[in-house]
Amino acid sequence: MSDQPITIEHSESGPTGRYEARVAGNPGVGELTYSRTTPKCIVATHTGVDDSLRGTGVGKVLVERLVADARNEGATIVPRCSFVRAMFKRHPEWADVLDDAS
């Protein structure tokens, strides 16, 4: 995990969205992209982290933010991305937002 703060920006345009994470003092970027099949169904499609950010916890923080936002919206997540799917397996406490349609 990084000792530096991780900041996340979220953008959404139509049915697609993106979370972008940065660590202070590091030029690398982590991203998690998704699409919505309905206003309450989020399909996580891709997670990628620059090599310079590997091991900093950025990927987990991105998924945590996705889960928190889904909870706030009353939405569910379909984890099509293998990283997001693996994170759901490690965190059974997120089952309330998991949509097993994947």
Protein backbone atom coordinates (compact mmCIF):
# COMPACT_ATOMS: atom_id res chain seq x y z
CA MET A 1 0.00 0.00 0.00
CA SER A 2 1.09 3.54 -0.69
CA ASP A 3 1.91 5.96 2.11
CA GLN A 4 0.89 8.77 -0.24
CA PRO A 5 -2.75 9.86 -0.58
CA ILE A 6 -4.71 8.38 -3.46
CA THR A 7 -7.13 10.71 -5.23
CA ILE A 8 -9.93 9.46 -7.44
CA GLU A 9 -11.80 11.36 -10.12
CA HIS A 10 -15.05 9.99 -11.50
CA SER A 11 -16.61 10.87 -14.83
CA GLU A 12 -19.66 9.53 -16.60
CA SER A 13 -20.92 10.25 -20.09
CA GLY A 14 -24.09 8.55 -21.20
CA PRO A 15 -23.94 4.86 -20.34
CA THR A 16 -20.16 4.73 -19.78
CA GLY A 17 -18.03 5.87 -16.89
CA ARG A 18 -14.51 5.91 -15.58
CA TYR A 19 -12.71 6.21 -12.27
CA GLU A 20 -9.17 7.55 -12.49
CA ALA A 21 -6.78 7.24 -9.54
CA ARG A 22 -3.52 9.04 -8.91
CA VAL A 23 -0.97 8.81 -6.13
CA ALA A 24 0.75 12.00 -5.00
CA GLY A 25 4.27 12.22 -6.41
CA ASN A 26 3.71 9.47 -9.01
CA PRO A 27 2.91 10.24 -12.65
CA GLY A 28 1.11 6.90 -13.15
CA VAL A 29 -2.63 6.48 -13.45
CA GLY A 30 -4.99 3.70 -12.45
CA GLU A 31 -8.38 3.35 -14.08
CA LEU A 32 -11.59 1.40 -13.76
CA THR A 33 -14.11 1.65 -16.58
CA TYR A 34 -17.73 0.56 -16.68
CA SER A 35 -20.95 0.76 -18.60
CA ARG A 36 -24.54 0.82 -17.43
CA THR A 37 -27.10 -1.56 -18.87
CA THR A 38 -29.79 0.17 -16.78
CA PRO A 39 -29.55 3.10 -14.37
CA LYS A 40 -29.20 0.59 -11.50
CA CYS A 41 -26.87 -1.98 -13.16
CA ILE A 42 -23.16 -1.18 -13.49
CA VAL A 43 -20.99 -3.50 -15.58
CA ALA A 44 -17.32 -3.20 -14.57
CA THR A 45 -15.42 -3.76 -17.81
CA HIS A 46 -11.75 -2.97 -17.21
CA THR A 47 -9.24 -2.12 -14.51
CA GLY A 48 -5.72 -1.05 -15.39
CA VAL A 49 -2.87 0.33 -13.30
CA ASP A 50 0.41 1.76 -14.60
CA ASP A 51 3.44 -0.32 -13.65
CA SER A 52 4.70 2.52 -11.45
CA LEU A 53 1.60 2.08 -9.25
CA ARG A 54 1.68 -1.69 -8.85
CA GLY A 55 1.61 -2.71 -5.20
CA THR A 56 0.26 0.65 -4.02
CA GLY A 57 -3.31 -0.55 -3.50
CA VAL A 58 -4.69 1.68 -6.24
CA GLY A 59 -6.65 -1.16 -7.88
CA LYS A 60 -8.38 -2.07 -4.62
CA VAL A 61 -9.17 1.58 -3.87
CA LEU A 62 -10.79 1.93 -7.31
CA VAL A 63 -13.05 -1.07 -6.68
CA GLU A 64 -13.87 0.15 -3.17
CA ARG A 65 -15.01 3.47 -4.65
CA LEU A 66 -17.12 1.66 -7.26
CA VAL A 67 -18.74 -0.43 -4.51
CA ALA A 68 -19.39 2.64 -2.32
CA ASP A 69 -20.95 4.55 -5.22
CA ALA A 70 -23.12 1.56 -6.18
CA ARG A 71 -24.37 1.31 -2.58
CA ASN A 72 -25.16 5.02 -2.49
CA GLU A 73 -27.16 4.71 -5.72
CA GLY A 74 -28.89 1.45 -4.83
CA ALA A 75 -27.21 -0.14 -7.85
CA THR A 76 -25.61 -3.53 -8.46
CA ILE A 77 -22.30 -4.41 -10.13
CA VAL A 78 -21.68 -7.07 -12.77
CA PRO A 79 -17.92 -7.82 -12.54
CA ARG A 80 -16.94 -8.57 -16.14
CA CYS A 81 -13.40 -7.37 -15.41
CA SER A 82 -11.29 -10.21 -13.99
CA PHE A 83 -9.68 -7.96 -11.37
CA VAL A 84 -13.04 -6.71 -10.10
CA ARG A 85 -14.35 -10.29 -10.05
CA ALA A 86 -11.32 -11.40 -8.01
CA MET A 87 -11.82 -8.50 -5.57
CA PHE A 88 -15.45 -9.52 -5.02
CA LYS A 89 -14.29 -13.06 -4.19
CA ARG A 90 -11.88 -11.64 -1.59
CA HIS A 91 -14.50 -9.32 -0.08
CA PRO A 92 -17.74 -11.17 0.70
CA GLU A 93 -18.91 -8.06 2.57
CA TRP A 94 -19.55 -6.51 -0.86
CA ALA A 95 -22.11 -9.19 -1.79
CA ASP A 96 -24.97 -6.71 -1.33
CA VAL A 97 -24.00 -4.97 -4.59
CA LEU A 98 -22.88 -8.06 -6.54
CA ASP A 99 -24.98 -9.03 -9.57
CA ASP A 100 -24.10 -12.63 -10.45
CA ALA A 101 -25.14 -12.20 -14.10
CA SER A 102 -21.48 -12.30 -15.17
